[in-house]
Amino acid sequence: MKPIHDKVAKEEFVIGNTYNVSLRGKQLYAAEVVKFHGGCWATVRIANALAADTANLYTPGAEFDIKVAEYEITLR
């Protein structure tokens, strides 16, 4: 049985745009989309942390992959 999850349409998450990323209502960081082909995963580059208590976790310029459907993402 395949797991059921939301896929994000290619048009909804645009390479080069910067988005605010939150998890369960807690703001984490602002990040630019580096790679996204539609679906579940994207590569993002951190612009800045959005909360003082996460500043040491999210260094500006760091790049990593995220599972897009796990987060609340809003255009900055």
PDB file of N, CA and C in Angstrom:
ATOM      1  N   MET A   1       0.841  -1.173   0.000  1.00  0.00           N
ATOM      2  CA  MET A   1       0.000   0.000   0.000  1.00  0.00           C
ATOM      3  C   MET A   1       0.894   1.247   0.000  1.00  0.00           C
ATOM      4  N   LYS A   2       0.597   2.186  -0.885  1.00  0.00           N
ATOM      5  CA  LYS A   2       1.349   3.437  -0.966  1.00  0.00           C
ATOM      6  C   LYS A   2       0.866   4.415   0.099  1.00  0.00           C
ATOM      7  N   PRO A   3       1.801   5.163   0.705  1.00  0.00           N
ATOM      8  CA  PRO A   3       1.353   6.191   1.648  1.00  0.00           C
ATOM      9  C   PRO A   3       0.654   7.316   0.899  1.00  0.00           C
ATOM     10  N   ILE A   4      -0.352   7.889   1.523  1.00  0.00           N
ATOM     11  CA  ILE A   4      -1.084   9.007   0.923  1.00  0.00           C
ATOM     12  C   ILE A   4      -0.490  10.298   1.464  1.00  0.00           C
ATOM     13  N   HIS A   5      -0.124  11.216   0.568  1.00  0.00           N
ATOM     14  CA  HIS A   5       0.411  12.502   0.983  1.00  0.00           C
ATOM     15  C   HIS A   5       0.087  13.540  -0.079  1.00  0.00           C
ATOM     16  N   ASP A   6       0.195  14.791   0.330  1.00  0.00           N
ATOM     17  CA  ASP A   6      -0.090  15.886  -0.596  1.00  0.00           C
ATOM     18  C   ASP A   6       1.120  16.151  -1.468  1.00  0.00           C
ATOM     19  N   LYS A   7       0.874  16.373  -2.744  1.00  0.00           N
ATOM     20  CA  LYS A   7       1.936  16.790  -3.653  1.00  0.00           C
ATOM     21  C   LYS A   7       1.689  18.254  -3.980  1.00  0.00           C
ATOM     22  N   VAL A   8       2.742  19.003  -4.055  1.00  0.00           N
ATOM     23  CA  VAL A   8       2.634  20.428  -4.357  1.00  0.00           C
ATOM     24  C   VAL A   8       2.807  20.602  -5.864  1.00  0.00           C
ATOM     25  N   ALA A   9       1.889  21.306  -6.480  1.00  0.00           N
ATOM     26  CA  ALA A   9       1.952  21.538  -7.923  1.00  0.00           C
ATOM     27  C   ALA A   9       3.163  22.401  -8.267  1.00  0.00           C
ATOM     28  N   LYS A  10       3.729  22.153  -9.435  1.00  0.00           N
ATOM     29  CA  LYS A  10       4.914  22.880  -9.901  1.00  0.00           C
ATOM     30  C   LYS A  10       4.720  24.392  -9.872  1.00  0.00           C
ATOM     31  N   GLU A  11       3.515  24.849 -10.167  1.00  0.00           N
ATOM     32  CA  GLU A  11       3.234  26.280 -10.245  1.00  0.00           C
ATOM     33  C   GLU A  11       3.125  26.938  -8.867  1.00  0.00           C
ATOM     34  N   GLU A  12       2.997  26.162  -7.814  1.00  0.00           N
ATOM     35  CA  GLU A  12       2.774  26.722  -6.482  1.00  0.00           C
ATOM     36  C   GLU A  12       4.056  27.050  -5.724  1.00  0.00           C
ATOM     37  N   PHE A  13       5.164  26.474  -6.100  1.00  0.00           N
ATOM     38  CA  PHE A  13       6.426  26.649  -5.376  1.00  0.00           C
ATOM     39  C   PHE A  13       7.465  27.007  -6.424  1.00  0.00           C
ATOM     40  N   VAL A  14       7.844  28.282  -6.524  1.00  0.00           N
ATOM     41  CA  VAL A  14       8.601  28.796  -7.658  1.00  0.00           C
ATOM     42  C   VAL A  14      10.087  28.955  -7.331  1.00  0.00           C
ATOM     43  N   ILE A  15      10.939  28.381  -8.193  1.00  0.00           N
ATOM     44  CA  ILE A  15      12.387  28.519  -8.036  1.00  0.00           C
ATOM     45  C   ILE A  15      12.743  29.999  -8.081  1.00  0.00           C
ATOM     46  N   GLY A  16      13.573  30.428  -7.133  1.00  0.00           N
ATOM     47  CA  GLY A  16      13.999  31.815  -7.051  1.00  0.00           C
ATOM     48  C   GLY A  16      13.182  32.651  -6.078  1.00  0.00           C
ATOM     49  N   ASN A  17      11.965  32.224  -5.767  1.00  0.00           N
ATOM     50  CA  ASN A  17      11.145  32.944  -4.783  1.00  0.00           C
ATOM     51  C   ASN A  17      11.613  32.612  -3.369  1.00  0.00           C
ATOM     52  N   THR A  18      11.387  33.555  -2.454  1.00  0.00           N
ATOM     53  CA  THR A  18      11.713  33.346  -1.045  1.00  0.00           C
ATOM     54  C   THR A  18      10.413  33.158  -0.279  1.00  0.00           C
ATOM     55  N   TYR A  19      10.388  32.133   0.559  1.00  0.00           N
ATOM     56  CA  TYR A  19       9.208  31.774   1.331  1.00  0.00           C
ATOM     57  C   TYR A  19       9.549  31.719   2.817  1.00  0.00           C
ATOM     58  N   ASN A  20       8.566  32.014   3.655  1.00  0.00           N
ATOM     59  CA  ASN A  20       8.690  31.785   5.097  1.00  0.00           C
ATOM     60  C   ASN A  20       8.233  30.358   5.361  1.00  0.00           C
ATOM     61  N   VAL A  21       9.009  29.643   6.161  1.00  0.00           N
ATOM     62  CA  VAL A  21       8.725  28.236   6.447  1.00  0.00           C
ATOM     63  C   VAL A  21       8.426  28.082   7.932  1.00  0.00           C
ATOM     64  N   SER A  22       7.277  27.448   8.225  1.00  0.00           N
ATOM     65  CA  SER A  22       6.846  27.208   9.603  1.00  0.00           C
ATOM     66  C   SER A  22       6.521  25.737   9.771  1.00  0.00           C
ATOM     67  N   LEU A  23       6.569  25.279  11.010  1.00  0.00           N
ATOM     68  CA  LEU A  23       6.211  23.900  11.330  1.00  0.00           C
ATOM     69  C   LEU A  23       5.295  23.912  12.542  1.00  0.00           C
ATOM     70  N   ARG A  24       4.077  23.407  12.364  1.00  0.00           N
ATOM     71  CA  ARG A  24       3.058  23.377  13.424  1.00  0.00           C
ATOM     72  C   ARG A  24       2.861  24.755  14.055  1.00  0.00           C
ATOM     73  N   GLY A  25       2.832  25.801  13.217  1.00  0.00           N
ATOM     74  CA  GLY A  25       2.574  27.150  13.682  1.00  0.00           C
ATOM     75  C   GLY A  25       3.789  27.916  14.176  1.00  0.00           C
ATOM     76  N   LYS A  26       4.949  27.272  14.283  1.00  0.00           N
ATOM     77  CA  LYS A  26       6.166  27.951  14.749  1.00  0.00           C
ATOM     78  C   LYS A  26       7.008  28.351  13.535  1.00  0.00           C
ATOM     79  N   GLN A  27       7.297  29.656  13.418  1.00  0.00           N
ATOM     80  CA  GLN A  27       8.115  30.140  12.320  1.00  0.00           C
ATOM     81  C   GLN A  27       9.555  29.656  12.489  1.00  0.00           C
ATOM     82  N   LEU A  28      10.125  29.118  11.392  1.00  0.00           N
ATOM     83  CA  LEU A  28      11.488  28.602  11.435  1.00  0.00           C
ATOM     84  C   LEU A  28      12.485  29.496  10.704  1.00  0.00           C
ATOM     85  N   TYR A  29      12.277  29.656   9.384  1.00  0.00           N
ATOM     86  CA  TYR A  29      13.245  30.398   8.585  1.00  0.00           C
ATOM     87  C   TYR A  29      12.608  30.901   7.299  1.00  0.00           C
ATOM     88  N   ALA A  30      13.299  31.857   6.672  1.00  0.00           N
ATOM     89  CA  ALA A  30      12.972  32.296   5.314  1.00  0.00           C
ATOM     90  C   ALA A  30      13.994  31.636   4.405  1.00  0.00           C
ATOM     91  N   ALA A  31      13.529  31.116   3.264  1.00  0.00           N
ATOM     92  CA  ALA A  31      14.438  30.406   2.370  1.00  0.00           C
ATOM     93  C   ALA A  31      14.049  30.622   0.912  1.00  0.00           C
ATOM     94  N   GLU A  32      15.078  30.656   0.072  1.00  0.00           N
ATOM     95  CA  GLU A  32      14.889  30.748  -1.370  1.00  0.00           C
ATOM     96  C   GLU A  32      14.838  29.333  -1.936  1.00  0.00           C
ATOM     97  N   VAL A  33      13.939  29.089  -2.876  1.00  0.00           N
ATOM     98  CA  VAL A  33      13.847  27.783  -3.526  1.00  0.00           C
ATOM     99  C   VAL A  33      14.949  27.679  -4.576  1.00  0.00           C
ATOM    100  N   VAL A  34      15.796  26.672  -4.445  1.00  0.00           N
ATOM    101  CA  VAL A  34      16.901  26.448  -5.380  1.00  0.00           C
ATOM    102  C   VAL A  34      16.497  25.437  -6.450  1.00  0.00           C
ATOM    103  N   LYS A  35      15.802  24.354  -6.031  1.00  0.00           N
ATOM    104  CA  LYS A  35      15.361  23.303  -6.951  1.00  0.00           C
ATOM    105  C   LYS A  35      13.988  22.810  -6.549  1.00  0.00           C
ATOM    106  N   PHE A  36      13.121  22.641  -7.547  1.00  0.00           N
ATOM    107  CA  PHE A  36      11.809  22.051  -7.300  1.00  0.00           C
ATOM    108  C   PHE A  36      11.237  21.606  -8.628  1.00  0.00           C
ATOM    109  N   HIS A  37      10.810  20.365  -8.715  1.00  0.00           N
ATOM    110  CA  HIS A  37      10.270  19.837  -9.960  1.00  0.00           C
ATOM    111  C   HIS A  37       8.811  19.443  -9.818  1.00  0.00           C
ATOM    112  N   GLY A  38       8.165  19.863  -8.740  1.00  0.00           N
ATOM    113  CA  GLY A  38       6.805  19.443  -8.451  1.00  0.00           C
ATOM    114  C   GLY A  38       6.864  18.157  -7.647  1.00  0.00           C
ATOM    115  N   GLY A  39       5.909  17.952  -6.792  1.00  0.00           N
ATOM    116  CA  GLY A  39       5.915  16.741  -5.972  1.00  0.00           C
ATOM    117  C   GLY A  39       6.194  17.056  -4.522  1.00  0.00           C
ATOM    118  N   CYS A  40       7.080  16.296  -3.915  1.00  0.00           N
ATOM    119  CA  CYS A  40       7.274  16.365  -2.464  1.00  0.00           C
ATOM    120  C   CYS A  40       8.497  17.145  -2.006  1.00  0.00           C
ATOM    121  N   TRP A  41       9.592  17.066  -2.746  1.00  0.00           N
ATOM    122  CA  TRP A  41      10.871  17.561  -2.246  1.00  0.00           C
ATOM    123  C   TRP A  41      11.340  18.815  -2.972  1.00  0.00           C
ATOM    124  N   ALA A  42      12.031  19.677  -2.213  1.00  0.00           N
ATOM    125  CA  ALA A  42      12.644  20.882  -2.774  1.00  0.00           C
ATOM    126  C   ALA A  42      13.974  21.130  -2.075  1.00  0.00           C
ATOM    127  N   THR A  43      14.892  21.747  -2.782  1.00  0.00           N
ATOM    128  CA  THR A  43      16.142  22.207  -2.193  1.00  0.00           C
ATOM    129  C   THR A  43      15.976  23.691  -1.914  1.00  0.00           C
ATOM    130  N   VAL A  44      16.277  24.102  -0.685  1.00  0.00           N
ATOM    131  CA  VAL A  44      16.137  25.505  -0.298  1.00  0.00           C
ATOM    132  C   VAL A  44      17.462  26.042   0.237  1.00  0.00           C
ATOM    133  N   ARG A  45      17.630  27.374   0.107  1.00  0.00           N
ATOM    134  CA  ARG A  45      18.803  28.077   0.647  1.00  0.00           C
ATOM    135  C   ARG A  45      18.300  29.055   1.700  1.00  0.00           C
ATOM    136  N   ILE A  46      18.820  28.942   2.909  1.00  0.00           N
ATOM    137  CA  ILE A  46      18.376  29.772   4.024  1.00  0.00           C
ATOM    138  C   ILE A  46      18.741  31.235   3.776  1.00  0.00           C
ATOM    139  N   ALA A  47      17.758  32.119   3.940  1.00  0.00           N
ATOM    140  CA  ALA A  47      17.992  33.562   3.900  1.00  0.00           C
ATOM    141  C   ALA A  47      18.247  34.065   5.323  1.00  0.00           C
ATOM    142  N   ASN A  48      17.367  33.685   6.244  1.00  0.00           N
ATOM    143  CA  ASN A  48      17.536  34.050   7.651  1.00  0.00           C
ATOM    144  C   ASN A  48      16.565  33.264   8.524  1.00  0.00           C
ATOM    145  N   ALA A  49      16.937  33.105   9.788  1.00  0.00           N
ATOM    146  CA  ALA A  49      16.048  32.476  10.766  1.00  0.00           C
ATOM    147  C   ALA A  49      14.960  33.478  11.119  1.00  0.00           C
ATOM    148  N   LEU A  50      13.775  32.985  11.430  1.00  0.00           N
ATOM    149  CA  LEU A  50      12.650  33.860  11.753  1.00  0.00           C
ATOM    150  C   LEU A  50      12.399  33.981  13.249  1.00  0.00           C
ATOM    151  N   ALA A  51      13.079  33.181  14.051  1.00  0.00           N
ATOM    152  CA  ALA A  51      12.914  33.233  15.505  1.00  0.00           C
ATOM    153  C   ALA A  51      14.292  33.164  16.163  1.00  0.00           C
ATOM    154  N   ALA A  52      14.454  33.874  17.261  1.00  0.00           N
ATOM    155  CA  ALA A  52      15.746  33.910  17.965  1.00  0.00           C
ATOM    156  C   ALA A  52      16.185  32.519  18.409  1.00  0.00           C
ATOM    157  N   ASP A  53      15.226  31.687  18.823  1.00  0.00           N
ATOM    158  CA  ASP A  53      15.609  30.363  19.323  1.00  0.00           C
ATOM    159  C   ASP A  53      15.977  29.368  18.223  1.00  0.00           C
ATOM    160  N   THR A  54      15.786  29.730  16.944  1.00  0.00           N
ATOM    161  CA  THR A  54      16.210  28.860  15.848  1.00  0.00           C
ATOM    162  C   THR A  54      17.393  29.440  15.069  1.00  0.00           C
ATOM    163  N   ALA A  55      17.874  30.585  15.471  1.00  0.00           N
ATOM    164  CA  ALA A  55      18.958  31.257  14.740  1.00  0.00           C
ATOM    165  C   ALA A  55      20.220  30.403  14.659  1.00  0.00           C
ATOM    166  N   ASN A  56      20.522  29.636  15.691  1.00  0.00           N
ATOM    167  CA  ASN A  56      21.734  28.808  15.670  1.00  0.00           C
ATOM    168  C   ASN A  56      21.549  27.544  14.828  1.00  0.00           C
ATOM    169  N   LEU A  57      20.317  27.215  14.433  1.00  0.00           N
ATOM    170  CA  LEU A  57      20.052  26.024  13.628  1.00  0.00           C
ATOM    171  C   LEU A  57      20.062  26.312  12.134  1.00  0.00           C
ATOM    172  N   TYR A  58      19.697  27.538  11.750  1.00  0.00           N
ATOM    173  CA  TYR A  58      19.525  27.887  10.346  1.00  0.00           C
ATOM    174  C   TYR A  58      20.466  29.020   9.948  1.00  0.00           C
ATOM    175  N   THR A  59      21.631  28.648   9.418  1.00  0.00           N
ATOM    176  CA  THR A  59      22.668  29.591   9.020  1.00  0.00           C
ATOM    177  C   THR A  59      22.377  30.123   7.620  1.00  0.00           C
ATOM    178  N   PRO A  60      22.377  31.447   7.436  1.00  0.00           N
ATOM    179  CA  PRO A  60      22.164  32.002   6.100  1.00  0.00           C
ATOM    180  C   PRO A  60      23.141  31.400   5.089  1.00  0.00           C
ATOM    181  N   GLY A  61      22.601  31.013   3.935  1.00  0.00           N
ATOM    182  CA  GLY A  61      23.409  30.419   2.876  1.00  0.00           C
ATOM    183  C   GLY A  61      23.418  28.894   2.883  1.00  0.00           C
ATOM    184  N   ALA A  62      23.027  28.274   3.987  1.00  0.00           N
ATOM    185  CA  ALA A  62      22.987  26.808   4.051  1.00  0.00           C
ATOM    186  C   ALA A  62      21.904  26.288   3.110  1.00  0.00           C
ATOM    187  N   GLU A  63      22.187  25.183   2.420  1.00  0.00           N
ATOM    188  CA  GLU A  63      21.220  24.567   1.519  1.00  0.00           C
ATOM    189  C   GLU A  63      20.913  23.151   1.987  1.00  0.00           C
ATOM    190  N   PHE A  64      19.639  22.768   1.895  1.00  0.00           N
ATOM    191  CA  PHE A  64      19.242  21.409   2.202  1.00  0.00           C
ATOM    192  C   PHE A  64      17.893  21.111   1.576  1.00  0.00           C
ATOM    193  N   ASP A  65      17.540  19.839   1.573  1.00  0.00           N
ATOM    194  CA  ASP A  65      16.260  19.399   1.012  1.00  0.00           C
ATOM    195  C   ASP A  65      15.205  19.355   2.103  1.00  0.00           C
ATOM    196  N   ILE A  66      13.989  19.726   1.723  1.00  0.00           N
ATOM    197  CA  ILE A  66      12.857  19.621   2.642  1.00  0.00           C
ATOM    198  C   ILE A  66      11.725  18.871   1.958  1.00  0.00           C
ATOM    199  N   LYS A  67      10.917  18.197   2.754  1.00  0.00           N
ATOM    200  CA  LYS A  67       9.695  17.574   2.261  1.00  0.00           C
ATOM    201  C   LYS A  67       8.611  18.640   2.392  1.00  0.00           C
ATOM    202  N   VAL A  68       8.271  19.265   1.301  1.00  0.00           N
ATOM    203  CA  VAL A  68       7.437  20.464   1.261  1.00  0.00           C
ATOM    204  C   VAL A  68       6.112  20.295   1.998  1.00  0.00           C
ATOM    205  N   ALA A  69       5.450  19.168   1.836  1.00  0.00           N
ATOM    206  CA  ALA A  69       4.124  18.967   2.419  1.00  0.00           C
ATOM    207  C   ALA A  69       4.138  18.936   3.948  1.00  0.00           C
ATOM    208  N   GLU A  70       5.309  18.784   4.558  1.00  0.00           N
ATOM    209  CA  GLU A  70       5.415  18.729   6.016  1.00  0.00           C
ATOM    210  C   GLU A  70       5.338  20.116   6.669  1.00  0.00           C
ATOM    211  N   TYR A  71       5.508  21.181   5.888  1.00  0.00           N
ATOM    212  CA  TYR A  71       5.630  22.530   6.428  1.00  0.00           C
ATOM    213  C   TYR A  71       4.495  23.432   5.964  1.00  0.00           C
ATOM    214  N   GLU A  72       4.293  24.538   6.718  1.00  0.00           N
ATOM    215  CA  GLU A  72       3.417  25.611   6.245  1.00  0.00           C
ATOM    216  C   GLU A  72       4.347  26.598   5.541  1.00  0.00           C
ATOM    217  N   ILE A  73       4.049  26.903   4.292  1.00  0.00           N
ATOM    218  CA  ILE A  73       4.944  27.748   3.507  1.00  0.00           C
ATOM    219  C   ILE A  73       4.150  28.917   2.949  1.00  0.00           C
ATOM    220  N   THR A  74       4.662  30.139   3.180  1.00  0.00           N
ATOM    221  CA  THR A  74       4.002  31.332   2.662  1.00  0.00           C
ATOM    222  C   THR A  74       5.003  32.180   1.902  1.00  0.00           C
ATOM    223  N   LEU A  75       4.545  32.759   0.814  1.00  0.00           N
ATOM    224  CA  LEU A  75       5.394  33.630   0.001  1.00  0.00           C
ATOM    225  C   LEU A  75       5.769  34.839   0.829  1.00  0.00           C
ATOM    226  N   ARG A  76       6.993  35.216   0.791  1.00  0.00           N
ATOM    227  CA  ARG A  76       7.498  36.325   1.579  1.00  0.00           C
ATOM    228  C   ARG A  76       7.221  37.634   0.907  1.00  0.00           C
TER     229      ARG A  76
END
